[in-house]
Protein backbone atom coordinates (compact mmCIF):
# COMPACT_ATOMS: atom_id res chain seq x y z
CA UNK A 1 14.19 231.75 8.56
CA UNK A 2 11.13 232.82 6.48
CA UNK A 3 8.90 229.70 5.29
CA UNK A 4 11.20 226.28 5.01
CA UNK A 5 12.15 225.40 1.08
CA UNK A 6 9.38 227.40 0.10
CA UNK A 7 11.14 229.13 -2.97
CA UNK A 8 12.73 226.16 -4.39
CA UNK A 9 9.03 224.52 -4.09
CA UNK A 10 7.46 227.53 -6.06
CA UNK A 11 10.26 227.30 -8.61
CA UNK A 12 9.17 223.88 -9.06
CA UNK A 13 5.71 223.85 -9.23
CA UNK A 14 4.19 227.15 -10.37
CA UNK A 15 7.50 228.36 -12.69
CA UNK A 16 4.94 230.80 -14.21
CA UNK A 17 4.32 232.87 -10.86
CA UNK A 18 8.29 233.15 -11.04
CA UNK A 19 9.99 235.33 -13.77
CA UNK A 20 13.86 236.32 -13.99
CA UNK A 21 14.66 240.21 -14.27
CA UNK A 22 17.43 241.36 -16.28
CA UNK A 23 18.57 244.27 -13.99
CA UNK A 24 17.48 246.90 -11.22
CA UNK A 25 16.61 249.23 -14.05
CA UNK A 26 13.52 247.02 -15.01
CA UNK A 27 11.82 248.63 -11.47
CA UNK A 28 12.60 251.94 -12.85
CA UNK A 29 10.25 254.64 -11.42
CA UNK A 30 8.77 252.05 -9.32
CA UNK A 31 8.14 252.32 -5.70
CA UNK A 32 9.62 249.31 -3.42
CA UNK A 33 9.27 248.52 0.22
CA UNK A 34 12.62 247.07 1.15
CA UNK A 35 13.07 245.45 4.35
CA UNK A 36 15.53 246.75 5.87
CA UNK A 37 16.60 244.84 8.69
CA UNK A 38 17.42 241.60 6.13
CA UNK A 39 19.65 244.18 4.31
CA UNK A 40 21.67 245.44 7.52
CA UNK A 41 21.91 241.33 8.57
CA UNK A 42 23.39 241.07 4.84
CA UNK A 43 25.73 243.84 5.08
CA UNK A 44 26.89 243.47 8.31
CA UNK A 45 27.72 239.52 7.13
CA UNK A 46 29.52 240.73 3.63
CA UNK A 47 30.97 243.63 4.42
CA UNK A 48 34.71 242.84 6.00
CA UNK A 49 38.26 243.20 5.83
CA UNK A 50 40.66 240.79 6.42
CA UNK A 51 43.54 241.61 9.29
CA UNK A 52 46.10 239.34 9.58
CA UNK A 53 43.31 236.27 9.21
CA UNK A 54 40.65 237.82 11.32
CA UNK A 55 37.71 239.14 9.15
CA UNK A 56 36.50 242.23 11.37
CA UNK A 57 33.79 244.90 9.87
CA UNK A 58 34.68 247.80 8.75
CA UNK A 59 35.09 250.95 12.10
CA UNK A 60 35.45 254.68 12.36
CA UNK A 61 38.53 255.99 14.48
CA UNK A 62 36.65 255.27 17.37
CA UNK A 63 36.19 251.54 16.48
CA UNK A 64 32.55 251.29 16.19
CA UNK A 65 31.15 249.09 13.07
CA UNK A 66 30.36 250.97 10.07
CA UNK A 67 29.79 248.09 7.32
CA UNK A 68 25.99 248.74 7.57
CA UNK A 69 26.21 252.40 6.95
CA UNK A 70 28.57 251.81 3.73
CA UNK A 71 26.56 249.02 2.61
CA UNK A 72 22.96 250.79 3.02
CA UNK A 73 25.18 254.16 1.82
CA UNK A 74 26.49 252.55 -1.74
CA UNK A 75 23.51 249.97 -2.43
CA UNK A 76 20.84 252.51 -1.97
CA UNK A 77 22.81 254.96 -4.26
CA UNK A 78 22.88 251.75 -6.86
CA UNK A 79 19.13 251.16 -6.90
CA UNK A 80 18.12 255.32 -7.54
CA UNK A 81 20.47 255.34 -9.91
CA UNK A 82 18.35 252.66 -11.60
CA UNK A 83 15.48 254.55 -11.34
CA UNK A 84 14.30 252.59 -8.39
CA UNK A 85 12.20 254.71 -5.40
CA UNK A 86 12.89 252.85 -2.23
CA UNK A 87 10.88 252.83 0.75
CA UNK A 88 13.08 251.13 3.64
CA UNK A 89 11.06 249.18 5.87
CA UNK A 90 12.35 248.26 9.49
CA UNK A 91 11.32 246.37 12.08
CA UNK A 92 9.18 246.89 14.97
CA UNK A 93 8.48 244.44 18.53
CA UNK A 94 9.01 240.77 18.16
CA UNK A 95 6.28 238.91 18.04
CA UNK A 96 5.91 236.38 21.47
CA UNK A 97 5.44 233.52 18.68
CA UNK A 98 8.52 234.44 17.44
CA UNK A 99 10.58 233.97 20.67
CA UNK A 100 11.26 230.50 20.60
CA UNK A 101 13.09 231.05 17.14
CA UNK A 102 14.95 234.09 19.08
CA UNK A 103 16.10 231.74 21.16
CA UNK A 104 17.56 229.31 19.14
CA UNK A 105 19.12 231.89 17.05
CA UNK A 106 21.12 233.21 20.19
CA UNK A 107 21.89 229.35 21.15
CA UNK A 108 23.64 229.41 17.33
CA UNK A 109 25.51 232.64 18.07
CA UNK A 110 26.65 231.50 21.33
CA UNK A 111 27.95 228.08 19.50
CA UNK A 112 29.52 230.18 16.73
CA UNK A 113 31.03 232.61 19.48
CA UNK A 114 33.08 229.35 21.06
CA UNK A 115 33.62 228.26 17.13
CA UNK A 116 35.61 231.40 16.58
CA UNK A 117 37.75 231.46 19.44
CA UNK A 118 38.60 227.41 18.26
CA UNK A 119 39.53 228.87 14.87
CA UNK A 120 41.24 231.53 15.82
CA UNK A 121 43.60 229.28 17.95
CA UNK A 122 43.98 226.76 15.34
CA UNK A 123 44.57 229.46 12.73
CA UNK A 124 41.84 227.99 10.94
CA UNK A 125 41.07 230.87 8.24
CA UNK A 126 37.68 229.48 6.91
CA UNK A 127 36.61 228.64 9.93
CA UNK A 128 37.12 232.22 11.30
CA UNK A 129 35.27 233.39 8.37
CA UNK A 130 32.59 231.16 8.60
CA UNK A 131 32.10 231.53 12.49
CA UNK A 132 32.60 235.30 12.45
CA UNK A 133 29.20 235.43 9.77
CA UNK A 134 27.35 233.20 12.18
CA UNK A 135 27.87 235.71 15.46
CA UNK A 136 26.20 238.71 13.70
CA UNK A 137 23.00 240.37 14.84
CA UNK A 138 22.00 243.73 14.16
CA UNK A 139 21.49 246.12 16.99
CA UNK A 140 19.21 248.70 17.92
CA UNK A 141 22.05 251.37 18.10
CA UNK A 142 22.96 250.16 13.88
CA UNK A 143 19.09 250.46 13.23
CA UNK A 144 18.82 254.08 14.56
CA UNK A 145 22.14 255.21 12.66
CA UNK A 146 20.54 253.65 9.76
CA UNK A 147 17.40 255.50 9.78
CA UNK A 148 19.51 258.71 10.49
CA UNK A 149 21.39 257.75 7.55
CA UNK A 150 18.52 257.44 5.16
CA UNK A 151 16.34 260.31 6.83
CA UNK A 152 19.99 262.21 5.38
CA UNK A 153 19.11 261.22 2.11
CA UNK A 154 15.90 262.87 2.10
CA UNK A 155 14.15 259.02 2.25
CA UNK A 156 10.99 257.51 3.68
CA UNK A 157 11.96 255.73 6.31
CA UNK A 158 8.90 253.36 7.80
CA UNK A 159 8.87 251.77 10.86
CA UNK A 160 6.30 248.63 11.65
CA UNK A 161 4.82 248.30 14.66
CA UNK A 162 5.48 244.27 14.66
CA UNK A 163 7.46 242.32 11.43
CA UNK A 164 8.92 244.29 8.81
CA UNK A 165 7.81 241.99 6.36
CA UNK A 166 3.59 242.36 7.40
CA UNK A 167 4.14 245.73 6.83
CA UNK A 168 6.00 245.32 3.11
CA UNK A 169 3.53 243.22 2.59
CA UNK A 170 0.34 245.17 3.72
CA UNK A 171 2.47 248.52 1.33
CA UNK A 172 2.32 246.20 -1.30
CA UNK A 173 -1.24 244.59 -1.04
CA UNK A 174 -2.94 248.21 -0.44
CA UNK A 175 -1.06 249.27 -3.74
CA UNK A 176 1.24 251.79 -1.99
CA UNK A 177 4.39 249.97 -3.42
CA UNK A 178 4.92 247.96 -6.26
CA UNK A 179 6.46 245.61 -4.65
CA UNK A 180 8.35 243.94 -1.23
CA UNK A 181 11.89 243.31 -1.90
CA UNK A 182 13.32 241.02 0.99
CA UNK A 183 14.78 237.33 1.14
CA UNK A 184 11.99 236.60 3.52
CA UNK A 185 9.69 234.33 1.50
CA UNK A 186 7.26 234.91 4.23
CA UNK A 187 6.49 238.15 2.90
CA UNK A 188 4.20 235.91 0.78
CA UNK A 189 2.33 234.35 3.89
CA UNK A 190 1.33 237.93 4.71
CA UNK A 191 0.12 238.92 1.47
CA UNK A 192 2.60 240.62 -0.67
CA UNK A 193 1.06 240.80 -4.04
CA UNK A 194 4.61 240.75 -5.51
CA UNK A 195 7.71 239.56 -4.30
CA UNK A 196 11.39 240.98 -5.24
CA UNK A 197 14.42 238.83 -4.34
CA UNK A 198 17.85 239.40 -4.91
CA UNK A 199 16.95 243.01 -5.40
CA UNK A 200 20.00 244.45 -3.24
CA UNK A 201 22.94 241.29 -3.73
CA UNK A 202 26.23 242.63 -4.88
CA UNK A 203 26.77 242.28 -8.46
CA UNK A 204 30.24 240.14 -7.81
CA UNK A 205 27.28 237.77 -6.40
CA UNK A 206 25.63 237.20 -9.64
CA UNK A 207 22.38 236.58 -8.08
CA UNK A 208 19.59 236.72 -10.43
CA UNK A 209 16.49 239.13 -9.53
CA UNK A 210 13.22 237.22 -9.43
CA UNK A 211 10.12 238.02 -9.50
CA UNK A 212 7.35 236.45 -7.93
CA UNK A 213 3.56 237.00 -7.91
CA UNK A 214 1.13 235.66 -5.46
CA UNK A 215 -1.43 236.15 -7.54
CA UNK A 216 -0.26 233.72 -10.23
CA UNK A 217 1.38 231.52 -7.04
CA UNK A 218 -2.18 230.91 -6.06
CA UNK A 219 -3.91 230.15 -9.72
CA UNK A 220 -1.15 227.63 -10.42
CA UNK A 221 -0.85 225.94 -7.08
CA UNK A 222 -5.06 225.86 -7.23
CA UNK A 223 -5.20 227.08 -3.37
CA UNK A 224 -6.94 229.49 -1.88
CA UNK A 225 -5.19 232.17 0.63
CA UNK A 226 -6.00 230.13 3.49
CA UNK A 227 -4.73 227.82 1.82
CA UNK A 228 -1.69 228.68 0.82
CA UNK A 229 -1.09 229.93 4.98
CA UNK A 230 -1.74 226.59 6.58
CA UNK A 231 0.73 225.22 3.64
CA UNK A 232 3.09 227.46 4.99
CA UNK A 233 2.81 226.84 8.22
CA UNK A 234 3.20 223.09 7.61
CA UNK A 235 6.15 223.60 5.63
CA UNK A 236 7.79 225.31 8.45
CA UNK A 237 7.57 229.10 9.53
CA UNK A 238 8.82 231.32 12.22
CA UNK A 239 5.67 231.16 14.21
CA UNK A 240 5.76 227.35 15.73
CA UNK A 241 7.45 224.49 16.03
CA UNK A 242 8.62 222.69 12.29
CA UNK A 243 7.67 219.25 12.48
CA UNK A 244 10.29 216.39 11.75
CA UNK A 245 10.53 215.64 8.11
CA UNK A 246 7.44 217.34 6.76
CA UNK A 247 8.55 220.33 3.82
CA UNK A 248 6.92 221.76 1.33
CA UNK A 249 6.60 218.60 -1.16
CA UNK A 250 5.42 216.69 1.58
CA UNK A 251 3.27 219.44 3.16
CA UNK A 252 0.88 220.00 -0.06
CA UNK A 253 0.38 216.56 -0.86
CA UNK A 254 -0.94 215.84 2.65
CA UNK A 255 -2.90 218.86 2.78
CA UNK A 256 -4.63 218.00 -0.69
CA UNK A 257 -4.74 214.26 -0.02
CA UNK A 258 -6.31 215.40 3.95
CA UNK A 259 -8.12 218.66 2.51
CA UNK A 260 -7.47 220.86 6.00
CA UNK A 261 -4.34 221.32 8.34
CA UNK A 262 -6.18 220.11 11.51
CA UNK A 263 -6.62 216.66 9.59
CA UNK A 264 -3.03 216.21 8.49
CA UNK A 265 -2.02 217.01 11.46
CA UNK A 266 -4.47 214.40 13.13
CA UNK A 267 -3.02 211.69 10.67
CA UNK A 268 0.37 212.43 11.64
CA UNK A 269 -0.65 211.84 15.27
CA UNK A 270 1.00 212.90 18.76
CA UNK A 271 4.05 211.40 18.11
CA UNK A 272 5.25 213.82 15.24
CA UNK A 273 3.57 216.86 15.92
CA UNK A 274 4.70 218.17 19.50
CA UNK A 275 1.70 219.44 22.15
CA UNK A 276 3.05 222.89 21.64
CA UNK A 277 2.52 223.36 17.76
CA UNK A 278 0.73 226.34 17.74
CA UNK A 279 -0.33 226.38 14.26
CA UNK A 280 -3.97 228.04 14.95
CA UNK A 281 -2.10 230.97 16.76
CA UNK A 282 0.48 231.05 13.76
CA UNK A 283 -2.12 231.10 11.01
CA UNK A 284 -4.27 234.35 13.04
CA UNK A 285 -0.72 236.13 12.63
CA UNK A 286 -0.49 236.10 9.46
CA UNK A 287 -3.46 236.86 8.87
CA UNK A 288 -3.74 239.72 11.29
CA UNK A 289 -0.34 240.66 12.02
CA UNK A 290 -0.48 244.25 12.97
CA UNK A 291 0.95 246.66 10.06
CA UNK A 292 1.22 250.71 9.09
CA UNK A 293 -1.93 251.90 8.57
CA UNK A 294 -1.53 252.61 4.71
CA UNK A 295 -4.66 254.68 4.66
CA UNK A 296 -2.24 257.44 6.35
CA UNK A 297 0.98 256.57 4.73
CA UNK A 298 2.35 259.07 2.16
CA UNK A 299 6.10 258.75 1.20
CA UNK A 300 8.03 262.00 0.91
CA UNK A 301 11.12 262.07 -0.82
CA UNK A 302 13.11 265.16 -0.23
CA UNK A 303 16.25 266.88 -0.92
CA UNK A 304 19.04 265.02 1.15
CA UNK A 305 20.68 267.35 3.91
CA UNK A 306 23.65 267.66 2.21
CA UNK A 307 25.59 269.50 4.78
CA UNK A 308 24.36 266.79 7.58
CA UNK A 309 25.00 263.69 5.23
CA UNK A 310 28.80 264.96 4.65
CA UNK A 311 29.03 265.53 8.18
CA UNK A 312 27.76 262.14 9.08
CA UNK A 313 29.71 260.34 6.80
CA UNK A 314 33.25 262.25 7.45
CA UNK A 315 33.20 262.84 10.85
CA UNK A 316 31.03 259.94 12.37
CA UNK A 317 32.53 257.05 10.08
CA UNK A 318 35.26 258.39 9.20
CA UNK A 319 35.02 258.05 5.47
CA UNK A 320 37.37 260.72 3.13
CA UNK A 321 36.22 263.48 2.14
CA UNK A 322 37.16 262.81 -1.41
CA UNK A 323 35.21 259.54 -1.50
CA UNK A 324 32.15 261.01 0.23
CA UNK A 325 31.99 263.94 -2.42
CA UNK A 326 31.95 261.15 -4.89
CA UNK A 327 28.83 259.24 -3.38
CA UNK A 328 27.23 262.57 -3.09
CA UNK A 329 27.62 263.18 -6.77
CA UNK A 330 26.28 260.15 -7.43
CA UNK A 331 23.08 260.62 -5.52
CA UNK A 332 22.47 264.27 -6.97
CA UNK A 333 22.28 262.64 -10.02
CA UNK A 334 20.46 259.31 -9.09
CA UNK A 335 17.67 261.50 -7.87
CA UNK A 336 16.62 262.84 -11.19
CA UNK A 337 16.65 258.98 -12.54
CA UNK A 338 13.53 258.32 -9.80
CA UNK A 339 11.45 260.87 -11.37
CA UNK A 340 11.24 258.70 -14.64
CA UNK A 341 7.93 256.74 -14.93
CA UNK A 342 8.04 252.73 -14.96
CA UNK A 343 8.12 251.11 -18.79
CA UNK A 344 4.78 249.05 -18.58
CA UNK A 345 2.82 252.27 -17.74
CA UNK A 346 3.17 253.07 -21.42
CA UNK A 347 3.76 249.53 -23.19
CA UNK A 348 0.96 247.69 -20.97
CA UNK A 349 1.38 244.89 -18.76
CA UNK A 350 1.90 241.06 -19.53
CA UNK A 351 -0.93 238.90 -18.89
CA UNK A 352 -0.60 235.50 -17.73
CA UNK A 353 -3.17 232.64 -18.26
CA UNK A 354 -2.97 229.45 -16.22
CA UNK A 355 -4.72 226.69 -18.16
CA UNK A 356 -6.00 223.35 -16.94
CA UNK A 357 -3.06 221.29 -17.60
CA UNK A 358 -0.27 223.79 -16.32
CA UNK A 359 -1.70 223.59 -12.24
CA UNK A 360 0.20 222.03 -9.96
CA UNK A 361 -0.51 218.35 -9.55
CA UNK A 362 1.24 216.86 -6.72
CA UNK A 363 1.26 213.24 -7.93
CA UNK A 364 2.66 214.04 -11.44
CA UNK A 365 6.40 213.80 -11.85
CA UNK A 366 8.59 216.64 -13.98
CA UNK A 367 12.42 215.69 -14.91
CA UNK A 368 14.82 218.21 -14.04
CA UNK A 369 15.75 219.01 -17.68
CA UNK A 370 12.42 219.65 -18.66
CA UNK A 371 11.13 221.62 -15.29
CA UNK A 372 14.03 223.91 -16.17
CA UNK A 373 13.49 224.09 -20.13
CA UNK A 374 9.46 225.40 -19.22
CA UNK A 375 10.35 227.97 -17.05
CA UNK A 376 13.16 229.45 -19.03
CA UNK A 377 10.89 229.54 -22.10
CA UNK A 378 7.93 231.26 -19.88
CA UNK A 379 10.63 233.67 -18.42
CA UNK A 380 11.62 234.29 -21.77
CA UNK A 381 8.06 235.08 -23.29
CA UNK A 382 7.38 237.45 -20.56
CA UNK A 383 9.77 240.03 -21.28
CA UNK A 384 8.64 243.58 -21.39
CA UNK A 385 9.05 245.62 -24.31
CA UNK A 386 12.66 246.25 -25.13
CA UNK A 387 13.82 243.79 -23.48
CA UNK A 388 13.96 245.86 -19.95
CA UNK A 389 12.09 242.60 -18.74
CA UNK A 390 9.84 245.50 -16.45
CA UNK A 391 6.46 244.26 -17.36
CA UNK A 392 3.89 243.21 -13.95
CA UNK A 393 3.19 239.53 -14.16
CA UNK A 394 -0.27 240.33 -14.45
CA UNK A 395 -2.36 242.94 -14.86
CA UNK A 396 -3.80 244.37 -11.19
CA UNK A 397 -5.21 247.93 -12.11
CA UNK A 398 -2.71 250.63 -12.92
CA UNK A 399 0.65 250.51 -10.85
CA UNK A 400 1.42 252.88 -8.02
CA UNK A 401 4.07 255.52 -9.58
């Protein structure tokens, strides 16, 4: 879930913190920490074939699922062709705080499995597709197969001790990568300086790549990082129960009005606040979640194991030799693109200033048309020189190579 409704709220409340990116090429030469687990989930949902009305994952000759392999292979090559240096981060052991959320997800998958059977018996193609997607989970074996693929491609793999988003955030915060790429907005709550969404979305989906600056968001919302964390918890997160009827808009208004999360809960009263609303534990987790030691991280981009990669894709995944040869040819050419330097290292980064009248006011209403026009104008102003859209939203020292 991440943080309930956070991205839509940020787009409305602090448009200067978000800019539209023209294409992946805007990140040429950039190191990007990518939430691998989120990618695999998307691949398993999207990459399917219709077999007599039943939407099945791609499989090898032995019937083992390969949707995650083809998805990761093709999207990674596409990133590298755009000059991006991908660093994939995998989830570690789930925190105890998240067990309630994971139990709820398991229950939904069980319901979806039952709905799938009903849809199959009724010949409901739309219901079959919807229920099939809802039953998806990424297995341990699929995670390990993907790590093997990436290592054969010569790419660094990071195994987070806990949540992948927390390690992505730490890598960005400590200057090891330019940004964290994930669809989970709680990466901002973990403290990533820059969040990139829709980086891995297929072109057919026509989803706009969005870049969010935490620094600018805090400035325009006029809150501290501690207040932002409390705001996210109150809005609804994975680590404690959600308060019914409280979303981001209500959460920010109540925090500003009452001054603290504790006071807000006191005002709401026991009828609206569950006895097990573990906000203090969630707050501590966002601040102290275990992540990799960034002081000893050294990303090494090696020459691919061409022979091993070919054998893995052809013999174990049952991909055709011609198809694999084409992928490897593209991979070989793409490696030279990742050696290019970021554009704003030559032109300088865009400076963003937040005026007092631009700071978020929860009591002030703005029409949808005016809001959209202001956000679009701001995005256009902040394009990098040459129209590449690659300039950083605010100057934060020399960017990592």
